[in-house]
Amino acid sequence: MLNASLSRDQRKYPRHRVFKEAKIVSSAFAGAINVTIRELSVGGARIDTPPHIEIPKKFDLLVVSENLFYPAVAKWCAGISTGIEFAGEPHRPKVLPFNKPL
């Protein structure tokens, strides 16, 4: 991944400071990684991950407060911070239909 200092100069959209709960979801592992969104823009975000966690290059970012998945690509990493670019339209989690037992 790229160095964080190089990435800051290449932003397409201005980022806004936020503090939002999110989860990284990927078929590369079971479960989810809890993260915090620190900066957010139309095109991406800066997230903080737990220490010593390596995230996949491509994943879905579930923004808990919105209940939306954002397809994302990791662009750079510096310590616990990772810059991500949104790679598609957000979508709602797919919910399987519940069948009542007879």
PDB file of N, CA and C in Angstrom:
ATOM      1  N   MET A   1       0.837  -1.182   0.000  1.00  0.00           N
ATOM      2  CA  MET A   1       0.000   0.000   0.000  1.00  0.00           C
ATOM      3  C   MET A   1       0.880   1.243   0.000  1.00  0.00           C
ATOM      4  N   LEU A   2       0.292   2.367  -0.332  1.00  0.00           N
ATOM      5  CA  LEU A   2       1.036   3.609  -0.416  1.00  0.00           C
ATOM      6  C   LEU A   2       1.251   4.252   0.941  1.00  0.00           C
ATOM      7  N   ASN A   3       2.247   5.085   1.028  1.00  0.00           N
ATOM      8  CA  ASN A   3       2.515   5.866   2.220  1.00  0.00           C
ATOM      9  C   ASN A   3       1.420   6.918   2.394  1.00  0.00           C
ATOM     10  N   ALA A   4       0.984   7.166   3.621  1.00  0.00           N
ATOM     11  CA  ALA A   4      -0.102   8.099   3.908  1.00  0.00           C
ATOM     12  C   ALA A   4       0.204   9.512   3.447  1.00  0.00           C
ATOM     13  N   SER A   5       1.438   9.966   3.546  1.00  0.00           N
ATOM     14  CA  SER A   5       1.761  11.337   3.174  1.00  0.00           C
ATOM     15  C   SER A   5       1.559  11.582   1.678  1.00  0.00           C
ATOM     16  N   LEU A   6       1.803  10.572   0.850  1.00  0.00           N
ATOM     17  CA  LEU A   6       1.565  10.717  -0.578  1.00  0.00           C
ATOM     18  C   LEU A   6       0.082  10.777  -0.884  1.00  0.00           C
ATOM     19  N   SER A   7      -0.711  10.019  -0.166  1.00  0.00           N
ATOM     20  CA  SER A   7      -2.135   9.914  -0.422  1.00  0.00           C
ATOM     21  C   SER A   7      -2.881  11.216  -0.146  1.00  0.00           C
ATOM     22  N   ARG A   8      -2.505  11.955   0.876  1.00  0.00           N
ATOM     23  CA  ARG A   8      -3.216  13.177   1.266  1.00  0.00           C
ATOM     24  C   ARG A   8      -3.250  14.205   0.140  1.00  0.00           C
ATOM     25  N   ASP A   9      -2.200  14.268  -0.673  1.00  0.00           N
ATOM     26  CA  ASP A   9      -2.139  15.246  -1.746  1.00  0.00           C
ATOM     27  C   ASP A   9      -2.949  14.830  -2.966  1.00  0.00           C
ATOM     28  N   GLN A  10      -3.447  13.607  -2.991  1.00  0.00           N
ATOM     29  CA  GLN A  10      -4.121  13.095  -4.174  1.00  0.00           C
ATOM     30  C   GLN A  10      -5.629  12.952  -3.992  1.00  0.00           C
ATOM     31  N   ARG A  11      -6.196  13.565  -2.980  1.00  0.00           N
ATOM     32  CA  ARG A  11      -7.636  13.423  -2.742  1.00  0.00           C
ATOM     33  C   ARG A  11      -8.447  14.090  -3.839  1.00  0.00           C
ATOM     34  N   LYS A  12      -9.503  13.409  -4.257  1.00  0.00           N
ATOM     35  CA  LYS A  12     -10.410  13.953  -5.261  1.00  0.00           C
ATOM     36  C   LYS A  12     -11.499  14.809  -4.619  1.00  0.00           C
ATOM     37  N   TYR A  13     -11.874  14.490  -3.382  1.00  0.00           N
ATOM     38  CA  TYR A  13     -12.955  15.179  -2.684  1.00  0.00           C
ATOM     39  C   TYR A  13     -12.492  15.566  -1.278  1.00  0.00           C
ATOM     40  N   PRO A  14     -12.961  16.689  -0.755  1.00  0.00           N
ATOM     41  CA  PRO A  14     -12.590  17.050   0.621  1.00  0.00           C
ATOM     42  C   PRO A  14     -13.205  16.082   1.624  1.00  0.00           C
ATOM     43  N   ARG A  15     -12.455  15.777   2.688  1.00  0.00           N
ATOM     44  CA  ARG A  15     -12.951  14.883   3.737  1.00  0.00           C
ATOM     45  C   ARG A  15     -13.429  15.693   4.931  1.00  0.00           C
ATOM     46  N   HIS A  16     -14.410  15.147   5.622  1.00  0.00           N
ATOM     47  CA  HIS A  16     -14.971  15.780   6.819  1.00  0.00           C
ATOM     48  C   HIS A  16     -14.697  14.880   8.016  1.00  0.00           C
ATOM     49  N   ARG A  17     -14.341  15.501   9.140  1.00  0.00           N
ATOM     50  CA  ARG A  17     -14.083  14.724  10.352  1.00  0.00           C
ATOM     51  C   ARG A  17     -15.386  14.154  10.889  1.00  0.00           C
ATOM     52  N   VAL A  18     -15.348  12.870  11.203  1.00  0.00           N
ATOM     53  CA  VAL A  18     -16.511  12.175  11.770  1.00  0.00           C
ATOM     54  C   VAL A  18     -16.002  11.180  12.807  1.00  0.00           C
ATOM     55  N   PHE A  19     -16.914  10.576  13.512  1.00  0.00           N
ATOM     56  CA  PHE A  19     -16.602   9.505  14.455  1.00  0.00           C
ATOM     57  C   PHE A  19     -17.740   8.507  14.340  1.00  0.00           C
ATOM     58  N   LYS A  20     -17.608   7.564  13.396  1.00  0.00           N
ATOM     59  CA  LYS A  20     -18.685   6.616  13.110  1.00  0.00           C
ATOM     60  C   LYS A  20     -18.193   5.186  13.268  1.00  0.00           C
ATOM     61  N   GLU A  21     -19.059   4.374  13.845  1.00  0.00           N
ATOM     62  CA  GLU A  21     -18.784   2.943  13.981  1.00  0.00           C
ATOM     63  C   GLU A  21     -19.006   2.265  12.638  1.00  0.00           C
ATOM     64  N   ALA A  22     -18.080   1.368  12.280  1.00  0.00           N
ATOM     65  CA  ALA A  22     -18.204   0.624  11.027  1.00  0.00           C
ATOM     66  C   ALA A  22     -17.581  -0.758  11.196  1.00  0.00           C
ATOM     67  N   LYS A  23     -17.807  -1.608  10.202  1.00  0.00           N
ATOM     68  CA  LYS A  23     -17.268  -2.963  10.208  1.00  0.00           C
ATOM     69  C   LYS A  23     -16.768  -3.302   8.810  1.00  0.00           C
ATOM     70  N   ILE A  24     -15.600  -3.932   8.765  1.00  0.00           N
ATOM     71  CA  ILE A  24     -15.080  -4.444   7.501  1.00  0.00           C
ATOM     72  C   ILE A  24     -15.582  -5.868   7.350  1.00  0.00           C
ATOM     73  N   VAL A  25     -16.229  -6.123   6.218  1.00  0.00           N
ATOM     74  CA  VAL A  25     -16.785  -7.442   5.928  1.00  0.00           C
ATOM     75  C   VAL A  25     -16.176  -7.912   4.611  1.00  0.00           C
ATOM     76  N   SER A  26     -15.667  -9.148   4.610  1.00  0.00           N
ATOM     77  CA  SER A  26     -15.028  -9.676   3.410  1.00  0.00           C
ATOM     78  C   SER A  26     -15.158 -11.185   3.375  1.00  0.00           C
ATOM     79  N   SER A  27     -15.166 -11.721   2.172  1.00  0.00           N
ATOM     80  CA  SER A  27     -15.178 -13.177   2.031  1.00  0.00           C
ATOM     81  C   SER A  27     -13.799 -13.758   2.352  1.00  0.00           C
ATOM     82  N   ALA A  28     -12.790 -12.896   2.544  1.00  0.00           N
ATOM     83  CA  ALA A  28     -11.437 -13.352   2.847  1.00  0.00           C
ATOM     84  C   ALA A  28     -11.314 -13.900   4.268  1.00  0.00           C
ATOM     85  N   PHE A  29     -12.287 -13.613   5.136  1.00  0.00           N
ATOM     86  CA  PHE A  29     -12.257 -14.100   6.519  1.00  0.00           C
ATOM     87  C   PHE A  29     -13.677 -14.217   7.050  1.00  0.00           C
ATOM     88  N   ALA A  30     -13.826 -14.992   8.116  1.00  0.00           N
ATOM     89  CA  ALA A  30     -15.137 -15.143   8.754  1.00  0.00           C
ATOM     90  C   ALA A  30     -15.330 -13.998   9.742  1.00  0.00           C
ATOM     91  N   GLY A  31     -16.557 -13.527   9.875  1.00  0.00           N
ATOM     92  CA  GLY A  31     -16.846 -12.459  10.828  1.00  0.00           C
ATOM     93  C   GLY A  31     -16.601 -11.088  10.237  1.00  0.00           C
ATOM     94  N   ALA A  32     -16.321 -10.122  11.121  1.00  0.00           N
ATOM     95  CA  ALA A  32     -16.117  -8.734  10.704  1.00  0.00           C
ATOM     96  C   ALA A  32     -15.052  -8.101  11.591  1.00  0.00           C
ATOM     97  N   ILE A  33     -14.428  -7.046  11.081  1.00  0.00           N
ATOM     98  CA  ILE A  33     -13.448  -6.283  11.849  1.00  0.00           C
ATOM     99  C   ILE A  33     -14.089  -4.958  12.240  1.00  0.00           C
ATOM    100  N   ASN A  34     -14.147  -4.666  13.523  1.00  0.00           N
ATOM    101  CA  ASN A  34     -14.681  -3.388  13.992  1.00  0.00           C
ATOM    102  C   ASN A  34     -13.671  -2.283  13.720  1.00  0.00           C
ATOM    103  N   VAL A  35     -14.141  -1.194  13.090  1.00  0.00           N
ATOM    104  CA  VAL A  35     -13.285  -0.049  12.789  1.00  0.00           C
ATOM    105  C   VAL A  35     -14.033   1.235  13.131  1.00  0.00           C
ATOM    106  N   THR A  36     -13.299   2.344  13.120  1.00  0.00           N
ATOM    107  CA  THR A  36     -13.894   3.662  13.337  1.00  0.00           C
ATOM    108  C   THR A  36     -13.588   4.523  12.127  1.00  0.00           C
ATOM    109  N   ILE A  37     -14.626   5.154  11.569  1.00  0.00           N
ATOM    110  CA  ILE A  37     -14.431   6.108  10.474  1.00  0.00           C
ATOM    111  C   ILE A  37     -14.047   7.440  11.108  1.00  0.00           C
ATOM    112  N   ARG A  38     -12.895   7.988  10.713  1.00  0.00           N
ATOM    113  CA  ARG A  38     -12.394   9.256  11.261  1.00  0.00           C
ATOM    114  C   ARG A  38     -12.587  10.427  10.314  1.00  0.00           C
ATOM    115  N   GLU A  39     -12.499  10.164   9.015  1.00  0.00           N
ATOM    116  CA  GLU A  39     -12.734  11.184   7.995  1.00  0.00           C
ATOM    117  C   GLU A  39     -13.552  10.542   6.891  1.00  0.00           C
ATOM    118  N   LEU A  40     -14.465  11.338   6.305  1.00  0.00           N
ATOM    119  CA  LEU A  40     -15.385  10.793   5.308  1.00  0.00           C
ATOM    120  C   LEU A  40     -15.566  11.799   4.184  1.00  0.00           C
ATOM    121  N   SER A  41     -15.599  11.293   2.953  1.00  0.00           N
ATOM    122  CA  SER A  41     -15.895  12.125   1.784  1.00  0.00           C
ATOM    123  C   SER A  41     -16.791  11.344   0.850  1.00  0.00           C
ATOM    124  N   VAL A  42     -17.170  11.986  -0.238  1.00  0.00           N
ATOM    125  CA  VAL A  42     -17.992  11.318  -1.243  1.00  0.00           C
ATOM    126  C   VAL A  42     -17.257  10.114  -1.825  1.00  0.00           C
ATOM    127  N   GLY A  43     -15.953  10.227  -1.988  1.00  0.00           N
ATOM    128  CA  GLY A  43     -15.201   9.180  -2.663  1.00  0.00           C
ATOM    129  C   GLY A  43     -14.477   8.186  -1.794  1.00  0.00           C
ATOM    130  N   GLY A  44     -14.441   8.422  -0.462  1.00  0.00           N
ATOM    131  CA  GLY A  44     -13.710   7.498   0.388  1.00  0.00           C
ATOM    132  C   GLY A  44     -13.694   7.925   1.839  1.00  0.00           C
ATOM    133  N   ALA A  45     -12.771   7.333   2.594  1.00  0.00           N
ATOM    134  CA  ALA A  45     -12.717   7.606   4.028  1.00  0.00           C
ATOM    135  C   ALA A  45     -11.348   7.251   4.578  1.00  0.00           C
ATOM    136  N   ARG A  46     -11.094   7.761   5.771  1.00  0.00           N
ATOM    137  CA  ARG A  46      -9.946   7.302   6.564  1.00  0.00           C
ATOM    138  C   ARG A  46     -10.523   6.561   7.747  1.00  0.00           C
ATOM    139  N   ILE A  47     -10.094   5.302   7.920  1.00  0.00           N
ATOM    140  CA  ILE A  47     -10.596   4.482   9.018  1.00  0.00           C
ATOM    141  C   ILE A  47      -9.457   4.109   9.941  1.00  0.00           C
ATOM    142  N   ASP A  48      -9.785   3.884  11.200  1.00  0.00           N
ATOM    143  CA  ASP A  48      -8.828   3.360  12.172  1.00  0.00           C
ATOM    144  C   ASP A  48      -9.202   1.915  12.466  1.00  0.00           C
ATOM    145  N   THR A  49      -8.208   1.038  12.418  1.00  0.00           N
ATOM    146  CA  THR A  49      -8.409  -0.387  12.659  1.00  0.00           C
ATOM    147  C   THR A  49      -7.737  -0.779  13.971  1.00  0.00           C
ATOM    148  N   PRO A  50      -8.081  -1.929  14.525  1.00  0.00           N
ATOM    149  CA  PRO A  50      -7.339  -2.414  15.694  1.00  0.00           C
ATOM    150  C   PRO A  50      -5.867  -2.632  15.327  1.00  0.00           C
ATOM    151  N   PRO A  51      -4.951  -2.469  16.291  1.00  0.00           N
ATOM    152  CA  PRO A  51      -3.525  -2.695  16.004  1.00  0.00           C
ATOM    153  C   PRO A  51      -3.265  -4.130  15.531  1.00  0.00           C
ATOM    154  N   HIS A  52      -2.289  -4.282  14.658  1.00  0.00           N
ATOM    155  CA  HIS A  52      -1.806  -5.586  14.183  1.00  0.00           C
ATOM    156  C   HIS A  52      -2.849  -6.353  13.365  1.00  0.00           C
ATOM    157  N   ILE A  53      -3.811  -5.657  12.801  1.00  0.00           N
ATOM    158  CA  ILE A  53      -4.808  -6.295  11.942  1.00  0.00           C
ATOM    159  C   ILE A  53      -4.514  -5.899  10.501  1.00  0.00           C
ATOM    160  N   GLU A  54      -4.369  -6.897   9.644  1.00  0.00           N
ATOM    161  CA  GLU A  54      -4.179  -6.633   8.224  1.00  0.00           C
ATOM    162  C   GLU A  54      -5.521  -6.773   7.529  1.00  0.00           C
ATOM    163  N   ILE A  55      -5.926  -5.732   6.823  1.00  0.00           N
ATOM    164  CA  ILE A  55      -7.225  -5.778   6.155  1.00  0.00           C
ATOM    165  C   ILE A  55      -7.028  -6.173   4.695  1.00  0.00           C
ATOM    166  N   PRO A  56      -8.055  -6.759   4.085  1.00  0.00           N
ATOM    167  CA  PRO A  56      -7.938  -7.148   2.676  1.00  0.00           C
ATOM    168  C   PRO A  56      -7.903  -5.911   1.772  1.00  0.00           C
ATOM    169  N   LYS A  57      -7.422  -6.071   0.564  1.00  0.00           N
ATOM    170  CA  LYS A  57      -7.364  -4.973  -0.410  1.00  0.00           C
ATOM    171  C   LYS A  57      -8.777  -4.519  -0.792  1.00  0.00           C
ATOM    172  N   LYS A  58      -9.690  -5.479  -1.024  1.00  0.00           N
ATOM    173  CA  LYS A  58     -11.083  -5.163  -1.383  1.00  0.00           C
ATOM    174  C   LYS A  58     -12.000  -5.720  -0.301  1.00  0.00           C
ATOM    175  N   PHE A  59     -13.013  -4.951   0.068  1.00  0.00           N
ATOM    176  CA  PHE A  59     -13.952  -5.374   1.105  1.00  0.00           C
ATOM    177  C   PHE A  59     -15.194  -4.498   1.063  1.00  0.00           C
ATOM    178  N   ASP A  60     -16.180  -4.845   1.870  1.00  0.00           N
ATOM    179  CA  ASP A  60     -17.352  -3.996   2.079  1.00  0.00           C
ATOM    180  C   ASP A  60     -17.215  -3.342   3.438  1.00  0.00           C
ATOM    181  N   LEU A  61     -17.506  -2.037   3.502  1.00  0.00           N
ATOM    182  CA  LEU A  61     -17.497  -1.295   4.759  1.00  0.00           C
ATOM    183  C   LEU A  61     -18.943  -1.084   5.171  1.00  0.00           C
ATOM    184  N   LEU A  62     -19.345  -1.706   6.274  1.00  0.00           N
ATOM    185  CA  LEU A  62     -20.698  -1.535   6.800  1.00  0.00           C
ATOM    186  C   LEU A  62     -20.688  -0.348   7.754  1.00  0.00           C
ATOM    187  N   VAL A  63     -21.388   0.725   7.380  1.00  0.00           N
ATOM    188  CA  VAL A  63     -21.539   1.884   8.256  1.00  0.00           C
ATOM    189  C   VAL A  63     -22.762   1.596   9.127  1.00  0.00           C
ATOM    190  N   VAL A  64     -22.520   1.343  10.397  1.00  0.00           N
ATOM    191  CA  VAL A  64     -23.553   0.839  11.304  1.00  0.00           C
ATOM    192  C   VAL A  64     -24.735   1.793  11.408  1.00  0.00           C
ATOM    193  N   SER A  65     -24.483   3.096  11.574  1.00  0.00           N
ATOM    194  CA  SER A  65     -25.572   4.059  11.761  1.00  0.00           C
ATOM    195  C   SER A  65     -26.475   4.181  10.539  1.00  0.00           C
ATOM    196  N   GLU A  66     -25.954   3.854   9.359  1.00  0.00           N
ATOM    197  CA  GLU A  66     -26.729   3.940   8.119  1.00  0.00           C
ATOM    198  C   GLU A  66     -27.271   2.587   7.667  1.00  0.00           C
ATOM    199  N   ASN A  67     -26.735   1.499   8.237  1.00  0.00           N
ATOM    200  CA  ASN A  67     -27.062   0.142   7.813  1.00  0.00           C
ATOM    201  C   ASN A  67     -26.861  -0.019   6.303  1.00  0.00           C
ATOM    202  N   LEU A  68     -25.722   0.506   5.812  1.00  0.00           N
ATOM    203  CA  LEU A  68     -25.370   0.412   4.402  1.00  0.00           C
ATOM    204  C   LEU A  68     -23.971  -0.167   4.246  1.00  0.00           C
ATOM    205  N   PHE A  69     -23.819  -1.001   3.222  1.00  0.00           N
ATOM    206  CA  PHE A  69     -22.510  -1.522   2.831  1.00  0.00           C
ATOM    207  C   PHE A  69     -21.954  -0.637   1.713  1.00  0.00           C
ATOM    208  N   TYR A  70     -20.693  -0.242   1.853  1.00  0.00           N
ATOM    209  CA  TYR A  70     -19.999   0.504   0.813  1.00  0.00           C
ATOM    210  C   TYR A  70     -18.867  -0.364   0.286  1.00  0.00           C
ATOM    211  N   PRO A  71     -18.904  -0.776  -0.993  1.00  0.00           N
ATOM    212  CA  PRO A  71     -17.767  -1.501  -1.557  1.00  0.00           C
ATOM    213  C   PRO A  71     -16.542  -0.592  -1.489  1.00  0.00           C
ATOM    214  N   ALA A  72     -15.401  -1.132  -1.050  1.00  0.00           N
ATOM    215  CA  ALA A  72     -14.228  -0.293  -0.827  1.00  0.00           C
ATOM    216  C   ALA A  72     -12.937  -0.990  -1.237  1.00  0.00           C
ATOM    217  N   VAL A  73     -11.929  -0.167  -1.506  1.00  0.00           N
ATOM    218  CA  VAL A  73     -10.589  -0.629  -1.829  1.00  0.00           C
ATOM    219  C   VAL A  73      -9.625   0.128  -0.928  1.00  0.00           C
ATOM    220  N   ALA A  74      -8.744  -0.598  -0.245  1.00  0.00           N
ATOM    221  CA  ALA A  74      -7.717   0.038   0.586  1.00  0.00           C
ATOM    222  C   ALA A  74      -6.669   0.664  -0.328  1.00  0.00           C
ATOM    223  N   LYS A  75      -6.337   1.935  -0.077  1.00  0.00           N
ATOM    224  CA  LYS A  75      -5.378   2.652  -0.922  1.00  0.00           C
ATOM    225  C   LYS A  75      -4.045   2.894  -0.232  1.00  0.00           C
ATOM    226  N   TRP A  76      -4.051   3.119   1.075  1.00  0.00           N
ATOM    227  CA  TRP A  76      -2.823   3.341   1.832  1.00  0.00           C
ATOM    228  C   TRP A  76      -3.033   2.947   3.279  1.00  0.00           C
ATOM    229  N   CYS A  77      -1.938   2.730   3.976  1.00  0.00           N
ATOM    230  CA  CYS A  77      -1.993   2.350   5.391  1.00  0.00           C
ATOM    231  C   CYS A  77      -0.818   3.007   6.113  1.00  0.00           C
ATOM    232  N   ALA A  78      -1.096   3.555   7.310  1.00  0.00           N
ATOM    233  CA  ALA A  78      -0.065   4.172   8.145  1.00  0.00           C
ATOM    234  C   ALA A  78      -0.433   3.894   9.596  1.00  0.00           C
ATOM    235  N   GLY A  79       0.240   2.922  10.208  1.00  0.00           N
ATOM    236  CA  GLY A  79      -0.096   2.542  11.583  1.00  0.00           C
ATOM    237  C   GLY A  79      -1.482   1.919  11.627  1.00  0.00           C
ATOM    238  N   ILE A  80      -2.357   2.479  12.461  1.00  0.00           N
ATOM    239  CA  ILE A  80      -3.725   1.944  12.559  1.00  0.00           C
ATOM    240  C   ILE A  80      -4.680   2.622  11.577  1.00  0.00           C
ATOM    241  N   SER A  81      -4.217   3.642  10.850  1.00  0.00           N
ATOM    242  CA  SER A  81      -5.070   4.358   9.898  1.00  0.00           C
ATOM    243  C   SER A  81      -4.929   3.773   8.499  1.00  0.00           C
ATOM    244  N   THR A  82      -6.067   3.698   7.811  1.00  0.00           N
ATOM    245  CA  THR A  82      -6.102   3.212   6.434  1.00  0.00           C
ATOM    246  C   THR A  82      -6.978   4.139   5.616  1.00  0.00           C
ATOM    247  N   GLY A  83      -6.494   4.523   4.449  1.00  0.00           N
ATOM    248  CA  GLY A  83      -7.293   5.306   3.517  1.00  0.00           C
ATOM    249  C   GLY A  83      -7.988   4.369   2.554  1.00  0.00           C
ATOM    250  N   ILE A  84      -9.279   4.573   2.381  1.00  0.00           N
ATOM    251  CA  ILE A  84     -10.038   3.706   1.476  1.00  0.00           C
ATOM    252  C   ILE A  84     -10.754   4.551   0.424  1.00  0.00           C
ATOM    253  N   GLU A  85     -10.966   3.943  -0.726  1.00  0.00           N
ATOM    254  CA  GLU A  85     -11.725   4.561  -1.800  1.00  0.00           C
ATOM    255  C   GLU A  85     -12.991   3.740  -1.992  1.00  0.00           C
ATOM    256  N   PHE A  86     -14.134   4.410  -2.092  1.00  0.00           N
ATOM    257  CA  PHE A  86     -15.374   3.698  -2.355  1.00  0.00           C
ATOM    258  C   PHE A  86     -15.371   3.243  -3.808  1.00  0.00           C
ATOM    259  N   ALA A  87     -15.765   1.984  -4.027  1.00  0.00           N
ATOM    260  CA  ALA A  87     -15.634   1.370  -5.347  1.00  0.00           C
ATOM    261  C   ALA A  87     -16.978   0.956  -5.939  1.00  0.00           C
ATOM    262  N   GLY A  88     -18.027   1.641  -5.581  1.00  0.00           N
ATOM    263  CA  GLY A  88     -19.344   1.306  -6.100  1.00  0.00           C
ATOM    264  C   GLY A  88     -20.423   1.958  -5.265  1.00  0.00           C
ATOM    265  N   GLU A  89     -21.636   1.707  -5.644  1.00  0.00           N
ATOM    266  CA  GLU A  89     -22.786   2.288  -4.943  1.00  0.00           C
ATOM    267  C   GLU A  89     -23.038   1.546  -3.629  1.00  0.00           C
ATOM    268  N   PRO A  90     -23.431   2.283  -2.579  1.00  0.00           N
ATOM    269  CA  PRO A  90     -23.780   1.609  -1.325  1.00  0.00           C
ATOM    270  C   PRO A  90     -25.033   0.762  -1.507  1.00  0.00           C
ATOM    271  N   HIS A  91     -25.140  -0.283  -0.692  1.00  0.00           N
ATOM    272  CA  HIS A  91     -26.323  -1.146  -0.776  1.00  0.00           C
ATOM    273  C   HIS A  91     -26.692  -1.638   0.616  1.00  0.00           C
ATOM    274  N   ARG A  92     -27.933  -2.008   0.778  1.00  0.00           N
ATOM    275  CA  ARG A  92     -28.431  -2.535   2.044  1.00  0.00           C
ATOM    276  C   ARG A  92     -27.997  -3.996   2.202  1.00  0.00           C
ATOM    277  N   PRO A  93     -27.807  -4.445   3.447  1.00  0.00           N
ATOM    278  CA  PRO A  93     -27.505  -5.867   3.660  1.00  0.00           C
ATOM    279  C   PRO A  93     -28.639  -6.735   3.130  1.00  0.00           C
ATOM    280  N   LYS A  94     -28.277  -7.848   2.548  1.00  0.00           N
ATOM    281  CA  LYS A  94     -29.293  -8.780   2.070  1.00  0.00           C
ATOM    282  C   LYS A  94     -29.802  -9.593   3.247  1.00  0.00           C
ATOM    283  N   VAL A  95     -31.100  -9.622   3.402  1.00  0.00           N
ATOM    284  CA  VAL A  95     -31.719 -10.352   4.499  1.00  0.00           C
ATOM    285  C   VAL A  95     -32.444 -11.555   3.912  1.00  0.00           C
ATOM    286  N   LEU A  96     -32.129 -12.712   4.430  1.00  0.00           N
ATOM    287  CA  LEU A  96     -32.811 -13.919   3.947  1.00  0.00           C
ATOM    288  C   LEU A  96     -34.211 -13.962   4.525  1.00  0.00           C
ATOM    289  N   PRO A  97     -35.186 -14.432   3.744  1.00  0.00           N
ATOM    290  CA  PRO A  97     -36.553 -14.516   4.251  1.00  0.00           C
ATOM    291  C   PRO A  97     -36.638 -15.519   5.400  1.00  0.00           C
ATOM    292  N   PHE A  98     -37.445 -15.191   6.365  1.00  0.00           N
ATOM    293  CA  PHE A  98     -37.641 -16.055   7.527  1.00  0.00           C
ATOM    294  C   PHE A  98     -38.890 -16.895   7.290  1.00  0.00           C
ATOM    295  N   ASN A  99     -38.734 -18.192   7.407  1.00  0.00           N
ATOM    296  CA  ASN A  99     -39.870 -19.102   7.278  1.00  0.00           C
ATOM    297  C   ASN A  99     -40.302 -19.571   8.654  1.00  0.00           C
ATOM    298  N   LYS A 100     -41.545 -19.339   8.982  1.00  0.00           N
ATOM    299  CA  LYS A 100     -42.071 -19.789  10.277  1.00  0.00           C
ATOM    300  C   LYS A 100     -42.183 -21.302  10.275  1.00  0.00           C
ATOM    301  N   PRO A 101     -41.819 -21.921  11.390  1.00  0.00           N
ATOM    302  CA  PRO A 101     -42.020 -23.376  11.460  1.00  0.00           C
ATOM    303  C   PRO A 101     -43.510 -23.697  11.511  1.00  0.00           C
ATOM    304  N   LEU A 102     -43.887 -24.818  10.938  1.00  0.00           N
ATOM    305  CA  LEU A 102     -45.293 -25.230  10.932  1.00  0.00           C
ATOM    306  C   LEU A 102     -45.715 -25.849  12.232  1.00  0.00           C
TER     307      LEU A 102
END
